[in-house]
């Protein structure tokens, strides 16, 4: 799958593109829109970008867990070297690592939810000006066709700012 990003001038344009890609078999799961006022999208039954597309919450969680667990290995090594754990007992270190992982997850999510997604950040000024960032996950073989159809249908007010990124297939 590839992710196509482009900017649309108004909600009608977004709705036209939504209808177009749905006709091509692309479901709502693969069509997201970021805008300054997402409530307008709901009225038109267009799927607004969710928290995972708007923020870096998943990346923050992974980094938080990773950093805290790495730190935990060092602390655990120090505890073992100083004889603070009973030889052969696994319960105490396991509880320690689980607690550390949960703490890292919470801290990482707290940082990630307050960090704007790299994609949204790139288009932040345009979104603040009232434009709509449309994100479509398209099968590789349909990228050229979808891109040309969108450009052809919206040639008058269409902003040529296509960016295509590789994403993992679902």
Protein backbone atom coordinates (compact mmCIF):
# COMPACT_ATOMS: atom_id res chain seq x y z
CA UNK A 1 0.00 0.00 0.00
CA UNK A 2 1.00 3.59 -0.60
CA UNK A 3 -0.29 6.65 1.18
CA UNK A 4 -1.19 9.61 -1.01
CA UNK A 5 -1.36 13.02 0.67
CA UNK A 6 -2.80 16.08 -0.98
CA UNK A 7 -4.44 19.34 -0.05
CA UNK A 8 -8.01 20.21 -1.00
CA UNK A 9 -9.44 23.72 -0.93
CA UNK A 10 -12.92 23.01 0.40
CA UNK A 11 -15.22 20.35 1.81
CA UNK A 12 -16.99 19.84 -1.52
CA UNK A 13 -13.70 18.91 -3.13
CA UNK A 14 -13.00 16.44 -0.32
CA UNK A 15 -16.45 14.94 -0.76
CA UNK A 16 -15.89 14.53 -4.53
CA UNK A 17 -12.57 12.80 -3.92
CA UNK A 18 -14.17 10.59 -1.27
CA UNK A 19 -16.87 9.49 -3.70
CA UNK A 20 -14.28 8.93 -6.42
CA UNK A 21 -12.03 6.68 -4.34
CA UNK A 22 -14.99 4.79 -2.91
CA UNK A 23 -16.09 4.04 -6.50
CA UNK A 24 -12.62 2.55 -7.03
CA UNK A 25 -13.10 0.15 -4.11
CA UNK A 26 -11.13 2.05 -1.47
CA UNK A 27 -12.95 1.84 1.86
CA UNK A 28 -13.31 4.39 4.65
CA UNK A 29 -10.56 2.54 6.54
CA UNK A 30 -8.13 3.85 3.93
CA UNK A 31 -9.45 7.41 3.56
CA UNK A 32 -8.74 10.07 6.22
CA UNK A 33 -8.96 13.84 6.30
CA UNK A 34 -7.25 16.25 8.66
CA UNK A 35 -8.81 19.68 8.98
CA UNK A 36 -9.05 22.64 11.27
CA UNK A 37 -12.71 21.85 12.00
CA UNK A 38 -13.30 18.07 11.93
CA UNK A 39 -16.96 18.46 12.92
CA UNK A 40 -17.70 19.61 9.34
CA UNK A 41 -16.37 16.28 8.08
CA UNK A 42 -18.72 14.30 10.33
CA UNK A 43 -21.73 16.16 8.91
CA UNK A 44 -20.72 15.00 5.42
CA UNK A 45 -19.94 11.44 6.59
CA UNK A 46 -16.25 11.82 5.79
CA UNK A 47 -13.84 10.06 8.11
CA UNK A 48 -11.66 12.50 10.04
CA UNK A 49 -8.09 11.55 10.87
CA UNK A 50 -7.98 9.70 14.18
CA UNK A 51 -5.61 10.19 17.10
CA UNK A 52 -3.08 7.74 15.65
CA UNK A 53 -2.85 9.75 12.42
CA UNK A 54 -2.84 13.16 14.12
CA UNK A 55 -0.27 12.42 16.83
CA UNK A 56 2.87 10.38 17.48
CA UNK A 57 1.24 8.34 20.27
CA UNK A 58 2.38 4.92 18.99
CA UNK A 59 5.94 6.06 18.40
CA UNK A 60 6.00 7.72 21.81
CA UNK A 61 4.76 4.53 23.47
CA UNK A 62 7.42 2.41 21.74
CA UNK A 63 10.22 4.83 22.59
CA UNK A 64 9.00 5.17 26.18
CA UNK A 65 8.86 1.41 26.75
CA UNK A 66 12.22 0.90 25.06
CA UNK A 67 14.03 3.60 27.03
CA UNK A 68 12.59 2.60 30.39
CA UNK A 69 13.32 -1.09 29.80
CA UNK A 70 16.92 -0.30 28.79
CA UNK A 71 17.31 1.74 31.96
CA UNK A 72 15.73 -1.15 33.88
CA UNK A 73 18.38 -3.58 32.65
CA UNK A 74 21.10 -1.35 34.04
CA UNK A 75 19.31 -0.92 37.38
CA UNK A 76 18.56 -4.65 37.58
CA UNK A 77 22.23 -5.42 36.92
CA UNK A 78 23.23 -3.09 39.70
CA UNK A 79 20.72 -4.75 42.08
CA UNK A 80 22.00 -8.22 41.22
CA UNK A 81 25.64 -7.17 41.60
CA UNK A 82 24.88 -5.77 45.06
CA UNK A 83 23.00 -8.88 46.16
CA UNK A 84 19.60 -7.24 46.44
CA UNK A 85 17.74 -10.16 44.82
CA UNK A 86 17.57 -13.67 46.19
CA UNK A 87 19.50 -16.06 43.99
CA UNK A 88 17.21 -17.93 41.57
CA UNK A 89 14.04 -16.01 42.38
CA UNK A 90 12.43 -14.68 39.20
CA UNK A 91 9.29 -13.10 40.64
CA UNK A 92 10.89 -9.93 41.92
CA UNK A 93 12.77 -8.98 38.70
CA UNK A 94 9.76 -9.89 36.55
CA UNK A 95 7.50 -7.60 38.54
CA UNK A 96 10.13 -4.90 38.29
CA UNK A 97 10.28 -5.17 34.48
CA UNK A 98 6.49 -5.22 34.11
CA UNK A 99 6.18 -2.14 36.27
CA UNK A 100 8.91 -0.41 34.30
CA UNK A 101 7.25 -1.30 30.98
CA UNK A 102 3.90 0.11 32.14
CA UNK A 103 5.60 3.27 33.39
CA UNK A 104 7.43 3.65 30.05
CA UNK A 105 4.19 3.09 28.16
CA UNK A 106 2.37 5.76 30.15
CA UNK A 107 5.20 8.29 29.86
CA UNK A 108 5.71 7.56 26.16
CA UNK A 109 2.00 7.94 25.40
CA UNK A 110 1.86 11.19 27.35
CA UNK A 111 4.69 12.60 25.24
CA UNK A 112 3.39 11.12 21.97
CA UNK A 113 -0.17 12.38 22.35
CA UNK A 114 1.17 15.92 22.70
CA UNK A 115 3.39 15.62 19.62
CA UNK A 116 1.86 16.33 16.24
CA UNK A 117 2.33 13.68 13.55
CA UNK A 118 5.16 14.34 11.10
CA UNK A 119 2.68 14.29 8.21
CA UNK A 120 0.31 16.75 9.88
CA UNK A 121 3.26 18.92 10.95
CA UNK A 122 4.40 19.21 7.32
CA UNK A 123 0.97 20.59 6.34
CA UNK A 124 0.23 22.43 9.60
CA UNK A 125 0.15 25.94 8.11
CA UNK A 126 -2.09 24.87 5.22
CA UNK A 127 -4.53 23.19 7.61
CA UNK A 128 -4.56 26.31 9.81
CA UNK A 129 -5.44 28.35 6.71
CA UNK A 130 -8.54 26.19 6.22
CA UNK A 131 -7.31 23.64 3.69
CA UNK A 132 -8.04 19.92 4.07
CA UNK A 133 -5.28 17.32 4.14
CA UNK A 134 -6.58 14.19 2.45
CA UNK A 135 -4.71 10.94 3.18
CA UNK A 136 -5.58 7.91 1.06
CA UNK A 137 -4.04 4.45 1.41
CA UNK A 138 -3.97 3.02 -2.09
CA UNK A 139 -2.77 -0.33 -3.47
CA UNK A 140 0.50 0.14 -5.37
CA UNK A 141 -1.06 -0.71 -8.73
CA UNK A 142 -3.78 1.98 -8.37
CA UNK A 143 -1.58 4.92 -7.30
CA UNK A 144 -1.12 6.42 -10.77
CA UNK A 145 -4.77 5.94 -11.73
CA UNK A 146 -6.16 7.46 -8.52
CA UNK A 147 -3.73 10.35 -8.67
CA UNK A 148 -4.57 11.19 -12.28
CA UNK A 149 -8.34 10.92 -11.67
CA UNK A 150 -8.15 13.24 -8.67
CA UNK A 151 -6.05 15.77 -10.60
CA UNK A 152 -8.36 15.62 -13.62
CA UNK A 153 -11.58 16.07 -11.60
CA UNK A 154 -10.22 18.93 -9.50
CA UNK A 155 -8.09 20.83 -12.00
CA UNK A 156 -9.66 24.27 -11.42
CA UNK A 157 -9.01 24.70 -7.70
CA UNK A 158 -6.80 21.72 -7.06
CA UNK A 159 -3.48 22.29 -5.32
CA UNK A 160 -0.78 20.12 -6.82
CA UNK A 161 0.91 18.91 -3.67
CA UNK A 162 0.92 15.16 -4.00
CA UNK A 163 3.23 13.27 -1.70
CA UNK A 164 3.33 9.53 -1.86
CA UNK A 165 4.70 7.53 1.06
CA UNK A 166 5.17 3.83 1.62
CA UNK A 167 3.08 2.33 4.41
CA UNK A 168 2.66 -1.20 5.70
CA UNK A 169 -0.12 -3.24 4.11
CA UNK A 170 -2.92 -4.10 6.51
